[in-house]
Amino acid sequence: MRLWVIAAIVSLTPVSAFAVSDCRVTGNPSVFGVDMTAYVAIKSGETCNFPIRIPGIMNNAGVASKPAHGILKQLNITTFRYTAKSGYRGNDTFAIYGEGKGPFGSGRSVITVNATVE
């Protein structure tokens, strides 16, 4: 009986309650084969998704360098999830890459992300 009650409560919880929003990113969009720098603002202990939005087809992606003050996880070929360390305030940096071909170029693009943890 308890399992049914828990299942009923979970099934009635809105999907948005579990959703993680995209990071607030500034910076110029890139094309495949060109590196870029992005800037993110996030609160201490919070999580946001960082999708790579390069026009074209992504063939490969990954983490080029991990953050020193948070956790970075690849969710799928185009989306990463960053969680800032709880209690930390300051700057954090990580880098991700995407490889593919688009209408304006092809190759590997490294995106260096400078995070301001508030």
PDB file of N, CA and C in Angstrom:
ATOM      1  N   MET A   1       0.820  -1.200   0.000  1.00  0.00           N
ATOM      2  CA  MET A   1       0.000   0.000   0.000  1.00  0.00           C
ATOM      3  C   MET A   1       0.863   1.262   0.000  1.00  0.00           C
ATOM      4  N   ARG A   2       1.951   1.247   0.800  1.00  0.00           N
ATOM      5  CA  ARG A   2       2.819   2.416   0.860  1.00  0.00           C
ATOM      6  C   ARG A   2       3.404   2.747  -0.508  1.00  0.00           C
ATOM      7  N   LEU A   3       3.812   1.723  -1.246  1.00  0.00           N
ATOM      8  CA  LEU A   3       4.391   1.966  -2.565  1.00  0.00           C
ATOM      9  C   LEU A   3       3.394   2.644  -3.486  1.00  0.00           C
ATOM     10  N   TRP A   4       2.130   2.255  -3.409  1.00  0.00           N
ATOM     11  CA  TRP A   4       1.114   2.879  -4.259  1.00  0.00           C
ATOM     12  C   TRP A   4       0.924   4.347  -3.895  1.00  0.00           C
ATOM     13  N   VAL A   5       0.968   4.664  -2.607  1.00  0.00           N
ATOM     14  CA  VAL A   5       0.812   6.050  -2.171  1.00  0.00           C
ATOM     15  C   VAL A   5       1.985   6.887  -2.670  1.00  0.00           C
ATOM     16  N   ILE A   6       3.204   6.367  -2.515  1.00  0.00           N
ATOM     17  CA  ILE A   6       4.389   7.086  -2.990  1.00  0.00           C
ATOM     18  C   ILE A   6       4.329   7.256  -4.498  1.00  0.00           C
ATOM     19  N   ALA A   7       3.968   6.212  -5.213  1.00  0.00           N
ATOM     20  CA  ALA A   7       3.873   6.290  -6.672  1.00  0.00           C
ATOM     21  C   ALA A   7       2.826   7.313  -7.091  1.00  0.00           C
ATOM     22  N   ALA A   8       1.713   7.366  -6.375  1.00  0.00           N
ATOM     23  CA  ALA A   8       0.663   8.329  -6.712  1.00  0.00           C
ATOM     24  C   ALA A   8       1.142   9.756  -6.481  1.00  0.00           C
ATOM     25  N   ILE A   9       1.861   9.981  -5.398  1.00  0.00           N
ATOM     26  CA  ILE A   9       2.374  11.322  -5.114  1.00  0.00           C
ATOM     27  C   ILE A   9       3.396  11.734  -6.162  1.00  0.00           C
ATOM     28  N   VAL A  10       4.321  10.840  -6.492  1.00  0.00           N
ATOM     29  CA  VAL A  10       5.341  11.150  -7.494  1.00  0.00           C
ATOM     30  C   VAL A  10       4.702  11.411  -8.847  1.00  0.00           C
ATOM     31  N   SER A  11       3.692  10.627  -9.214  1.00  0.00           N
ATOM     32  CA  SER A  11       3.069  10.808 -10.525  1.00  0.00           C
ATOM     33  C   SER A  11       2.265  12.101 -10.602  1.00  0.00           C
ATOM     34  N   LEU A  12       1.847  12.653  -9.468  1.00  0.00           N
ATOM     35  CA  LEU A  12       1.100  13.903  -9.465  1.00  0.00           C
ATOM     36  C   LEU A  12       2.007  15.132  -9.379  1.00  0.00           C
ATOM     37  N   THR A  13       3.298  14.909  -9.121  1.00  0.00           N
ATOM     38  CA  THR A  13       4.243  16.020  -9.048  1.00  0.00           C
ATOM     39  C   THR A  13       4.497  16.555 -10.445  1.00  0.00           C
ATOM     40  N   PRO A  14       4.375  17.859 -10.647  1.00  0.00           N
ATOM     41  CA  PRO A  14       4.610  18.422 -11.981  1.00  0.00           C
ATOM     42  C   PRO A  14       6.026  18.133 -12.470  1.00  0.00           C
ATOM     43  N   VAL A  15       6.152  17.885 -13.749  1.00  0.00           N
ATOM     44  CA  VAL A  15       7.455  17.596 -14.342  1.00  0.00           C
ATOM     45  C   VAL A  15       8.412  18.757 -14.121  1.00  0.00           C
ATOM     46  N   SER A  16       7.926  19.989 -14.158  1.00  0.00           N
ATOM     47  CA  SER A  16       8.794  21.153 -14.001  1.00  0.00           C
ATOM     48  C   SER A  16       9.458  21.210 -12.632  1.00  0.00           C
ATOM     49  N   ALA A  17       8.901  20.522 -11.632  1.00  0.00           N
ATOM     50  CA  ALA A  17       9.508  20.520 -10.312  1.00  0.00           C
ATOM     51  C   ALA A  17      10.857  19.818 -10.336  1.00  0.00           C
ATOM     52  N   PHE A  18      11.051  18.886 -11.275  1.00  0.00           N
ATOM     53  CA  PHE A  18      12.301  18.150 -11.379  1.00  0.00           C
ATOM     54  C   PHE A  18      13.214  18.720 -12.461  1.00  0.00           C
ATOM     55  N   ALA A  19      12.717  19.641 -13.251  1.00  0.00           N
ATOM     56  CA  ALA A  19      13.487  20.172 -14.375  1.00  0.00           C
ATOM     57  C   ALA A  19      14.594  21.098 -13.877  1.00  0.00           C
ATOM     58  N   VAL A  20      15.697  21.062 -14.585  1.00  0.00           N
ATOM     59  CA  VAL A  20      16.819  21.958 -14.309  1.00  0.00           C
ATOM     60  C   VAL A  20      16.859  22.965 -15.442  1.00  0.00           C
ATOM     61  N   SER A  21      16.943  24.243 -15.099  1.00  0.00           N
ATOM     62  CA  SER A  21      16.937  25.269 -16.142  1.00  0.00           C
ATOM     63  C   SER A  21      18.312  25.397 -16.790  1.00  0.00           C
ATOM     64  N   ASP A  22      18.329  26.008 -17.962  1.00  0.00           N
ATOM     65  CA  ASP A  22      19.585  26.273 -18.655  1.00  0.00           C
ATOM     66  C   ASP A  22      20.353  27.365 -17.920  1.00  0.00           C
ATOM     67  N   CYS A  23      21.670  27.296 -17.995  1.00  0.00           N
ATOM     68  CA  CYS A  23      22.528  28.324 -17.406  1.00  0.00           C
ATOM     69  C   CYS A  23      22.282  29.661 -18.097  1.00  0.00           C
ATOM     70  N   ARG A  24      22.428  30.746 -17.353  1.00  0.00           N
ATOM     71  CA  ARG A  24      22.371  32.089 -17.942  1.00  0.00           C
ATOM     72  C   ARG A  24      23.740  32.359 -18.555  1.00  0.00           C
ATOM     73  N   VAL A  25      23.825  32.257 -19.862  1.00  0.00           N
ATOM     74  CA  VAL A  25      25.107  32.323 -20.561  1.00  0.00           C
ATOM     75  C   VAL A  25      25.218  33.607 -21.369  1.00  0.00           C
ATOM     76  N   THR A  26      26.400  34.222 -21.319  1.00  0.00           N
ATOM     77  CA  THR A  26      26.711  35.319 -22.231  1.00  0.00           C
ATOM     78  C   THR A  26      27.973  34.937 -22.991  1.00  0.00           C
ATOM     79  N   GLY A  27      28.111  35.482 -24.165  1.00  0.00           N
ATOM     80  CA  GLY A  27      29.246  35.166 -25.026  1.00  0.00           C
ATOM     81  C   GLY A  27      28.751  35.040 -26.447  1.00  0.00           C
ATOM     82  N   ASN A  28      29.663  35.065 -27.376  1.00  0.00           N
ATOM     83  CA  ASN A  28      29.289  34.951 -28.782  1.00  0.00           C
ATOM     84  C   ASN A  28      29.217  33.492 -29.192  1.00  0.00           C
ATOM     85  N   PRO A  29      28.159  33.105 -29.926  1.00  0.00           N
ATOM     86  CA  PRO A  29      28.051  31.721 -30.379  1.00  0.00           C
ATOM     87  C   PRO A  29      29.213  31.365 -31.302  1.00  0.00           C
ATOM     88  N   SER A  30      29.537  30.100 -31.328  1.00  0.00           N
ATOM     89  CA  SER A  30      30.668  29.633 -32.114  1.00  0.00           C
ATOM     90  C   SER A  30      30.195  28.857 -33.333  1.00  0.00           C
ATOM     91  N   VAL A  31      31.149  28.478 -34.151  1.00  0.00           N
ATOM     92  CA  VAL A  31      30.927  27.556 -35.262  1.00  0.00           C
ATOM     93  C   VAL A  31      31.917  26.420 -35.070  1.00  0.00           C
ATOM     94  N   PHE A  32      31.660  25.291 -35.694  1.00  0.00           N
ATOM     95  CA  PHE A  32      32.587  24.176 -35.566  1.00  0.00           C
ATOM     96  C   PHE A  32      33.964  24.580 -36.074  1.00  0.00           C
ATOM     97  N   GLY A  33      34.987  24.212 -35.334  1.00  0.00           N
ATOM     98  CA  GLY A  33      36.357  24.527 -35.700  1.00  0.00           C
ATOM     99  C   GLY A  33      36.880  25.811 -35.097  1.00  0.00           C
ATOM    100  N   VAL A  34      36.048  26.533 -34.350  1.00  0.00           N
ATOM    101  CA  VAL A  34      36.447  27.802 -33.733  1.00  0.00           C
ATOM    102  C   VAL A  34      36.192  27.719 -32.226  1.00  0.00           C
ATOM    103  N   ASP A  35      37.202  28.047 -31.418  1.00  0.00           N
ATOM    104  CA  ASP A  35      37.051  28.041 -29.964  1.00  0.00           C
ATOM    105  C   ASP A  35      36.333  29.307 -29.507  1.00  0.00           C
ATOM    106  N   MET A  36      35.718  29.234 -28.331  1.00  0.00           N
ATOM    107  CA  MET A  36      35.020  30.398 -27.799  1.00  0.00           C
ATOM    108  C   MET A  36      35.091  30.411 -26.284  1.00  0.00           C
ATOM    109  N   THR A  37      34.713  31.544 -25.707  1.00  0.00           N
ATOM    110  CA  THR A  37      34.616  31.700 -24.261  1.00  0.00           C
ATOM    111  C   THR A  37      33.185  32.092 -23.925  1.00  0.00           C
ATOM    112  N   ALA A  38      32.642  31.453 -22.891  1.00  0.00           N
ATOM    113  CA  ALA A  38      31.290  31.763 -22.424  1.00  0.00           C
ATOM    114  C   ALA A  38      31.365  32.145 -20.948  1.00  0.00           C
ATOM    115  N   TYR A  39      30.387  32.913 -20.515  1.00  0.00           N
ATOM    116  CA  TYR A  39      30.325  33.379 -19.131  1.00  0.00           C
ATOM    117  C   TYR A  39      28.981  32.971 -18.540  1.00  0.00           C
ATOM    118  N   VAL A  40      29.043  32.403 -17.324  1.00  0.00           N
ATOM    119  CA  VAL A  40      27.852  31.886 -16.659  1.00  0.00           C
ATOM    120  C   VAL A  40      27.782  32.479 -15.262  1.00  0.00           C
ATOM    121  N   ALA A  41      26.585  32.843 -14.821  1.00  0.00           N
ATOM    122  CA  ALA A  41      26.351  33.266 -13.436  1.00  0.00           C
ATOM    123  C   ALA A  41      25.421  32.242 -12.796  1.00  0.00           C
ATOM    124  N   ILE A  42      25.800  31.762 -11.617  1.00  0.00           N
ATOM    125  CA  ILE A  42      25.019  30.738 -10.929  1.00  0.00           C
ATOM    126  C   ILE A  42      25.155  30.948  -9.423  1.00  0.00           C
ATOM    127  N   LYS A  43      24.138  30.563  -8.679  1.00  0.00           N
ATOM    128  CA  LYS A  43      24.187  30.678  -7.223  1.00  0.00           C
ATOM    129  C   LYS A  43      24.883  29.456  -6.630  1.00  0.00           C
ATOM    130  N   SER A  44      25.542  29.663  -5.507  1.00  0.00           N
ATOM    131  CA  SER A  44      26.232  28.595  -4.801  1.00  0.00           C
ATOM    132  C   SER A  44      25.278  27.433  -4.519  1.00  0.00           C
ATOM    133  N   GLY A  45      25.705  26.217  -4.846  1.00  0.00           N
ATOM    134  CA  GLY A  45      24.902  25.024  -4.599  1.00  0.00           C
ATOM    135  C   GLY A  45      23.858  24.726  -5.649  1.00  0.00           C
ATOM    136  N   GLU A  46      23.671  25.608  -6.611  1.00  0.00           N
ATOM    137  CA  GLU A  46      22.639  25.387  -7.629  1.00  0.00           C
ATOM    138  C   GLU A  46      23.194  24.679  -8.857  1.00  0.00           C
ATOM    139  N   THR A  47      22.263  24.192  -9.675  1.00  0.00           N
ATOM    140  CA  THR A  47      22.577  23.406 -10.860  1.00  0.00           C
ATOM    141  C   THR A  47      21.928  24.036 -12.077  1.00  0.00           C
ATOM    142  N   CYS A  48      22.624  23.994 -13.208  1.00  0.00           N
ATOM    143  CA  CYS A  48      22.027  24.443 -14.465  1.00  0.00           C
ATOM    144  C   CYS A  48      22.595  23.619 -15.618  1.00  0.00           C
ATOM    145  N   ASN A  49      21.825  23.550 -16.687  1.00  0.00           N
ATOM    146  CA  ASN A  49      22.247  22.837 -17.891  1.00  0.00           C
ATOM    147  C   ASN A  49      22.960  23.793 -18.835  1.00  0.00           C
ATOM    148  N   PHE A  50      23.987  23.284 -19.499  1.00  0.00           N
ATOM    149  CA  PHE A  50      24.753  24.067 -20.459  1.00  0.00           C
ATOM    150  C   PHE A  50      24.722  23.330 -21.797  1.00  0.00           C
ATOM    151  N   PRO A  51      23.765  23.674 -22.661  1.00  0.00           N
ATOM    152  CA  PRO A  51      23.718  23.021 -23.972  1.00  0.00           C
ATOM    153  C   PRO A  51      24.682  23.693 -24.954  1.00  0.00           C
ATOM    154  N   ILE A  52      25.330  22.880 -25.783  1.00  0.00           N
ATOM    155  CA  ILE A  52      26.160  23.419 -26.862  1.00  0.00           C
ATOM    156  C   ILE A  52      25.230  23.662 -28.041  1.00  0.00           C
ATOM    157  N   ARG A  53      25.174  24.898 -28.483  1.00  0.00           N
ATOM    158  CA  ARG A  53      24.282  25.255 -29.595  1.00  0.00           C
ATOM    159  C   ARG A  53      25.111  25.774 -30.767  1.00  0.00           C
ATOM    160  N   ILE A  54      25.715  24.848 -31.490  1.00  0.00           N
ATOM    161  CA  ILE A  54      26.483  25.186 -32.686  1.00  0.00           C
ATOM    162  C   ILE A  54      25.677  24.683 -33.878  1.00  0.00           C
ATOM    163  N   PRO A  55      25.416  25.533 -34.859  1.00  0.00           N
ATOM    164  CA  PRO A  55      24.643  25.090 -36.025  1.00  0.00           C
ATOM    165  C   PRO A  55      25.341  23.935 -36.745  1.00  0.00           C
ATOM    166  N   GLY A  56      24.580  22.903 -37.062  1.00  0.00           N
ATOM    167  CA  GLY A  56      25.124  21.759 -37.784  1.00  0.00           C
ATOM    168  C   GLY A  56      24.872  20.463 -37.046  1.00  0.00           C
ATOM    169  N   ILE A  57      25.707  19.477 -37.328  1.00  0.00           N
ATOM    170  CA  ILE A  57      25.562  18.147 -36.734  1.00  0.00           C
ATOM    171  C   ILE A  57      26.757  17.869 -35.829  1.00  0.00           C
ATOM    172  N   MET A  58      26.461  17.579 -34.566  1.00  0.00           N
ATOM    173  CA  MET A  58      27.490  17.261 -33.578  1.00  0.00           C
ATOM    174  C   MET A  58      27.782  15.764 -33.660  1.00  0.00           C
ATOM    175  N   ASN A  59      29.056  15.414 -33.861  1.00  0.00           N
ATOM    176  CA  ASN A  59      29.459  14.010 -33.939  1.00  0.00           C
ATOM    177  C   ASN A  59      30.045  13.497 -32.636  1.00  0.00           C
ATOM    178  N   ASN A  60      30.623  14.397 -31.855  1.00  0.00           N
ATOM    179  CA  ASN A  60      31.289  14.000 -30.628  1.00  0.00           C
ATOM    180  C   ASN A  60      31.355  15.216 -29.705  1.00  0.00           C
ATOM    181  N   ALA A  61      31.344  14.967 -28.411  1.00  0.00           N
ATOM    182  CA  ALA A  61      31.462  16.045 -27.429  1.00  0.00           C
ATOM    183  C   ALA A  61      31.988  15.458 -26.133  1.00  0.00           C
ATOM    184  N   GLY A  62      32.536  16.324 -25.284  1.00  0.00           N
ATOM    185  CA  GLY A  62      33.035  15.844 -24.008  1.00  0.00           C
ATOM    186  C   GLY A  62      33.566  16.971 -23.150  1.00  0.00           C
ATOM    187  N   VAL A  63      34.143  16.579 -22.024  1.00  0.00           N
ATOM    188  CA  VAL A  63      34.718  17.524 -21.072  1.00  0.00           C
ATOM    189  C   VAL A  63      36.207  17.661 -21.377  1.00  0.00           C
ATOM    190  N   ALA A  64      36.658  18.881 -21.647  1.00  0.00           N
ATOM    191  CA  ALA A  64      38.078  19.140 -21.902  1.00  0.00           C
ATOM    192  C   ALA A  64      38.824  19.409 -20.600  1.00  0.00           C
ATOM    193  N   SER A  65      38.188  20.107 -19.656  1.00  0.00           N
ATOM    194  CA  SER A  65      38.765  20.308 -18.320  1.00  0.00           C
ATOM    195  C   SER A  65      37.636  20.476 -17.311  1.00  0.00           C
ATOM    196  N   LYS A  66      37.814  19.850 -16.151  1.00  0.00           N
ATOM    197  CA  LYS A  66      36.786  19.846 -15.112  1.00  0.00           C
ATOM    198  C   LYS A  66      36.841  21.126 -14.278  1.00  0.00           C
ATOM    199  N   PRO A  67      35.703  21.497 -13.671  1.00  0.00           N
ATOM    200  CA  PRO A  67      35.699  22.662 -12.774  1.00  0.00           C
ATOM    201  C   PRO A  67      36.401  22.328 -11.457  1.00  0.00           C
ATOM    202  N   ALA A  68      37.001  23.331 -10.837  1.00  0.00           N
ATOM    203  CA  ALA A  68      37.672  23.144  -9.551  1.00  0.00           C
ATOM    204  C   ALA A  68      36.695  23.251  -8.384  1.00  0.00           C
ATOM    205  N   HIS A  69      35.570  23.958  -8.588  1.00  0.00           N
ATOM    206  CA  HIS A  69      34.650  24.240  -7.484  1.00  0.00           C
ATOM    207  C   HIS A  69      33.224  23.820  -7.805  1.00  0.00           C
ATOM    208  N   GLY A  70      33.084  22.708  -8.487  1.00  0.00           N
ATOM    209  CA  GLY A  70      31.759  22.216  -8.830  1.00  0.00           C
ATOM    210  C   GLY A  70      31.852  20.874  -9.522  1.00  0.00           C
ATOM    211  N   ILE A  71      30.719  20.410  -9.992  1.00  0.00           N
ATOM    212  CA  ILE A  71      30.627  19.123 -10.679  1.00  0.00           C
ATOM    213  C   ILE A  71      30.075  19.365 -12.073  1.00  0.00           C
ATOM    214  N   LEU A  72      30.697  18.752 -13.060  1.00  0.00           N
ATOM    215  CA  LEU A  72      30.257  18.855 -14.448  1.00  0.00           C
ATOM    216  C   LEU A  72      29.963  17.458 -14.957  1.00  0.00           C
ATOM    217  N   LYS A  73      28.773  17.275 -15.506  1.00  0.00           N
ATOM    218  CA  LYS A  73      28.345  15.969 -15.997  1.00  0.00           C
ATOM    219  C   LYS A  73      27.799  16.125 -17.408  1.00  0.00           C
ATOM    220  N   GLN A  74      28.180  15.225 -18.298  1.00  0.00           N
ATOM    221  CA  GLN A  74      27.637  15.237 -19.652  1.00  0.00           C
ATOM    222  C   GLN A  74      26.344  14.432 -19.656  1.00  0.00           C
ATOM    223  N   LEU A  75      25.233  15.067 -20.068  1.00  0.00           N
ATOM    224  CA  LEU A  75      23.927  14.410 -20.088  1.00  0.00           C
ATOM    225  C   LEU A  75      23.673  13.682 -21.401  1.00  0.00           C
ATOM    226  N   ASN A  76      24.080  14.298 -22.501  1.00  0.00           N
ATOM    227  CA  ASN A  76      23.953  13.700 -23.831  1.00  0.00           C
ATOM    228  C   ASN A  76      24.987  14.372 -24.727  1.00  0.00           C
ATOM    229  N   ILE A  77      24.913  14.153 -26.018  1.00  0.00           N
ATOM    230  CA  ILE A  77      25.974  14.666 -26.894  1.00  0.00           C
ATOM    231  C   ILE A  77      26.045  16.191 -26.932  1.00  0.00           C
ATOM    232  N   THR A  78      24.961  16.893 -26.633  1.00  0.00           N
ATOM    233  CA  THR A  78      24.993  18.356 -26.720  1.00  0.00           C
ATOM    234  C   THR A  78      24.779  19.081 -25.393  1.00  0.00           C
ATOM    235  N   THR A  79      24.472  18.377 -24.318  1.00  0.00           N
ATOM    236  CA  THR A  79      24.104  19.048 -23.069  1.00  0.00           C
ATOM    237  C   THR A  79      24.951  18.571 -21.893  1.00  0.00           C
ATOM    238  N   PHE A  80      25.414  19.549 -21.115  1.00  0.00           N
ATOM    239  CA  PHE A  80      26.195  19.300 -19.909  1.00  0.00           C
ATOM    240  C   PHE A  80      25.457  19.917 -18.725  1.00  0.00           C
ATOM    241  N   ARG A  81      25.678  19.364 -17.533  1.00  0.00           N
ATOM    242  CA  ARG A  81      25.050  19.889 -16.315  1.00  0.00           C
ATOM    243  C   ARG A  81      26.147  20.298 -15.335  1.00  0.00           C
ATOM    244  N   TYR A  82      26.080  21.555 -14.904  1.00  0.00           N
ATOM    245  CA  TYR A  82      27.058  22.096 -13.953  1.00  0.00           C
ATOM    246  C   TYR A  82      26.368  22.353 -12.621  1.00  0.00           C
ATOM    247  N   THR A  83      26.989  21.877 -11.537  1.00  0.00           N
ATOM    248  CA  THR A  83      26.513  22.145 -10.186  1.00  0.00           C
ATOM    249  C   THR A  83      27.632  22.837  -9.424  1.00  0.00           C
ATOM    250  N   ALA A  84      27.363  24.058  -8.967  1.00  0.00           N
ATOM    251  CA  ALA A  84      28.350  24.813  -8.187  1.00  0.00           C
ATOM    252  C   ALA A  84      28.416  24.243  -6.775  1.00  0.00           C
ATOM    253  N   LYS A  85      29.612  24.154  -6.234  1.00  0.00           N
ATOM    254  CA  LYS A  85      29.806  23.620  -4.891  1.00  0.00           C
ATOM    255  C   LYS A  85      29.052  24.472  -3.873  1.00  0.00           C
ATOM    256  N   SER A  86      28.302  23.803  -3.015  1.00  0.00           N
ATOM    257  CA  SER A  86      27.529  24.495  -1.986  1.00  0.00           C
ATOM    258  C   SER A  86      28.474  25.203  -1.009  1.00  0.00           C
ATOM    259  N   GLY A  87      28.181  26.462  -0.723  1.00  0.00           N
ATOM    260  CA  GLY A  87      28.991  27.248   0.197  1.00  0.00           C
ATOM    261  C   GLY A  87      30.131  27.996  -0.471  1.00  0.00           C
ATOM    262  N   TYR A  88      30.427  27.660  -1.732  1.00  0.00           N
ATOM    263  CA  TYR A  88      31.516  28.337  -2.444  1.00  0.00           C
ATOM    264  C   TYR A  88      30.984  29.583  -3.134  1.00  0.00           C
ATOM    265  N   ARG A  89      31.775  30.638  -3.071  1.00  0.00           N
ATOM    266  CA  ARG A  89      31.480  31.861  -3.816  1.00  0.00           C
ATOM    267  C   ARG A  89      32.778  32.336  -4.445  1.00  0.00           C
ATOM    268  N   GLY A  90      32.712  32.643  -5.721  1.00  0.00           N
ATOM    269  CA  GLY A  90      33.913  33.072  -6.428  1.00  0.00           C
ATOM    270  C   GLY A  90      33.849  32.625  -7.875  1.00  0.00           C
ATOM    271  N   ASN A  91      35.009  32.444  -8.470  1.00  0.00           N
ATOM    272  CA  ASN A  91      35.079  32.072  -9.882  1.00  0.00           C
ATOM    273  C   ASN A  91      35.402  30.594 -10.041  1.00  0.00           C
ATOM    274  N   ASP A  92      34.892  30.014 -11.095  1.00  0.00           N
ATOM    275  CA  ASP A  92      35.178  28.633 -11.455  1.00  0.00           C
ATOM    276  C   ASP A  92      35.303  28.586 -12.975  1.00  0.00           C
ATOM    277  N   THR A  93      36.112  27.677 -13.470  1.00  0.00           N
ATOM    278  CA  THR A  93      36.319  27.563 -14.910  1.00  0.00           C
ATOM    279  C   THR A  93      36.315  26.097 -15.308  1.00  0.00           C
ATOM    280  N   PHE A  94      35.686  25.812 -16.437  1.00  0.00           N
ATOM    281  CA  PHE A  94      35.753  24.475 -17.024  1.00  0.00           C
ATOM    282  C   PHE A  94      35.681  24.626 -18.533  1.00  0.00           C
ATOM    283  N   ALA A  95      35.990  23.558 -19.240  1.00  0.00           N
ATOM    284  CA  ALA A  95      35.954  23.606 -20.703  1.00  0.00           C
ATOM    285  C   ALA A  95      35.296  22.344 -21.240  1.00  0.00           C
ATOM    286  N   ILE A  96      34.477  22.533 -22.252  1.00  0.00           N
ATOM    287  CA  ILE A  96      33.834  21.423 -22.947  1.00  0.00           C
ATOM    288  C   ILE A  96      34.152  21.557 -24.433  1.00  0.00           C
ATOM    289  N   TYR A  97      33.961  20.482 -25.171  1.00  0.00           N
ATOM    290  CA  TYR A  97      34.230  20.560 -26.605  1.00  0.00           C
ATOM    291  C   TYR A  97      33.120  19.878 -27.393  1.00  0.00           C
ATOM    292  N   GLY A  98      32.980  20.302 -28.617  1.00  0.00           N
ATOM    293  CA  GLY A  98      32.057  19.674 -29.554  1.00  0.00           C
ATOM    294  C   GLY A  98      32.755  19.523 -30.893  1.00  0.00           C
ATOM    295  N   GLU A  99      32.559  18.385 -31.523  1.00  0.00           N
ATOM    296  CA  GLU A  99      33.138  18.135 -32.842  1.00  0.00           C
ATOM    297  C   GLU A  99      32.013  17.856 -33.815  1.00  0.00           C
ATOM    298  N   GLY A 100      32.080  18.477 -34.982  1.00  0.00           N
ATOM    299  CA  GLY A 100      31.035  18.243 -35.964  1.00  0.00           C
ATOM    300  C   GLY A 100      31.243  19.051 -37.217  1.00  0.00           C
ATOM    301  N   LYS A 101      30.162  19.133 -37.972  1.00  0.00           N
ATOM    302  CA  LYS A 101      30.197  19.860 -39.240  1.00  0.00           C
ATOM    303  C   LYS A 101      28.931  20.694 -39.337  1.00  0.00           C
ATOM    304  N   GLY A 102      29.112  21.941 -39.736  1.00  0.00           N
ATOM    305  CA  GLY A 102      27.982  22.839 -39.885  1.00  0.00           C
ATOM    306  C   GLY A 102      28.091  23.649 -41.153  1.00  0.00           C
ATOM    307  N   PRO A 103      27.147  24.553 -41.353  1.00  0.00           N
ATOM    308  CA  PRO A 103      27.146  25.347 -42.578  1.00  0.00           C
ATOM    309  C   PRO A 103      28.293  26.361 -42.649  1.00  0.00           C
ATOM    310  N   PHE A 104      28.934  26.639 -41.514  1.00  0.00           N
ATOM    311  CA  PHE A 104      29.976  27.668 -41.488  1.00  0.00           C
ATOM    312  C   PHE A 104      31.361  27.132 -41.146  1.00  0.00           C
ATOM    313  N   GLY A 105      31.494  25.826 -40.953  1.00  0.00           N
ATOM    314  CA  GLY A 105      32.792  25.249 -40.633  1.00  0.00           C
ATOM    315  C   GLY A 105      32.661  23.843 -40.100  1.00  0.00           C
ATOM    316  N   SER A 106      33.810  23.209 -39.892  1.00  0.00           N
ATOM    317  CA  SER A 106      33.822  21.862 -39.333  1.00  0.00           C
ATOM    318  C   SER A 106      35.054  21.705 -38.455  1.00  0.00           C
ATOM    319  N   GLY A 107      35.020  20.701 -37.592  1.00  0.00           N
ATOM    320  CA  GLY A 107      36.147  20.436 -36.707  1.00  0.00           C
ATOM    321  C   GLY A 107      35.738  20.463 -35.254  1.00  0.00           C
ATOM    322  N   ARG A 108      36.735  20.672 -34.408  1.00  0.00           N
ATOM    323  CA  ARG A 108      36.542  20.663 -32.957  1.00  0.00           C
ATOM    324  C   ARG A 108      36.502  22.094 -32.434  1.00  0.00           C
ATOM    325  N   SER A 109      35.518  22.378 -31.597  1.00  0.00           N
ATOM    326  CA  SER A 109      35.394  23.676 -30.921  1.00  0.00           C
ATOM    327  C   SER A 109      35.489  23.451 -29.421  1.00  0.00           C
ATOM    328  N   VAL A 110      36.381  24.166 -28.772  1.00  0.00           N
ATOM    329  CA  VAL A 110      36.494  24.114 -27.313  1.00  0.00           C
ATOM    330  C   VAL A 110      35.824  25.361 -26.756  1.00  0.00           C
ATOM    331  N   ILE A 111      34.921  25.154 -25.814  1.00  0.00           N
ATOM    332  CA  ILE A 111      34.213  26.257 -25.170  1.00  0.00           C
ATOM    333  C   ILE A 111      34.715  26.346 -23.731  1.00  0.00           C
ATOM    334  N   THR A 112      35.433  27.410 -23.425  1.00  0.00           N
ATOM    335  CA  THR A 112      35.897  27.657 -22.065  1.00  0.00           C
ATOM    336  C   THR A 112      34.808  28.443 -21.349  1.00  0.00           C
ATOM    337  N   VAL A 113      34.343  27.898 -20.231  1.00  0.00           N
ATOM    338  CA  VAL A 113      33.245  28.520 -19.491  1.00  0.00           C
ATOM    339  C   VAL A 113      33.794  29.118 -18.200  1.00  0.00           C
ATOM    340  N   ASN A 114      33.626  30.420 -18.053  1.00  0.00           N
ATOM    341  CA  ASN A 114      34.005  31.127 -16.828  1.00  0.00           C
ATOM    342  C   ASN A 114      32.742  31.346 -16.010  1.00  0.00           C
ATOM    343  N   ALA A 115      32.658  30.655 -14.878  1.00  0.00           N
ATOM    344  CA  ALA A 115      31.468  30.734 -14.033  1.00  0.00           C
ATOM    345  C   ALA A 115      31.709  31.683 -12.866  1.00  0.00           C
ATOM    346  N   THR A 116      30.732  32.540 -12.611  1.00  0.00           N
ATOM    347  CA  THR A 116      30.728  33.374 -11.417  1.00  0.00           C
ATOM    348  C   THR A 116      29.721  32.748 -10.467  1.00  0.00           C
ATOM    349  N   VAL A 117      30.213  32.223  -9.353  1.00  0.00           N
ATOM    350  CA  VAL A 117      29.355  31.561  -8.373  1.00  0.00           C
ATOM    351  C   VAL A 117      29.038  32.583  -7.294  1.00  0.00           C
ATOM    352  N   GLU A 118      27.754  32.909  -7.174  1.00  0.00           N
ATOM    353  CA  GLU A 118      27.308  33.957  -6.248  1.00  0.00           C
ATOM    354  C   GLU A 118      26.778  33.373  -4.958  1.00  0.00           C
TER     355      GLU A 118
END
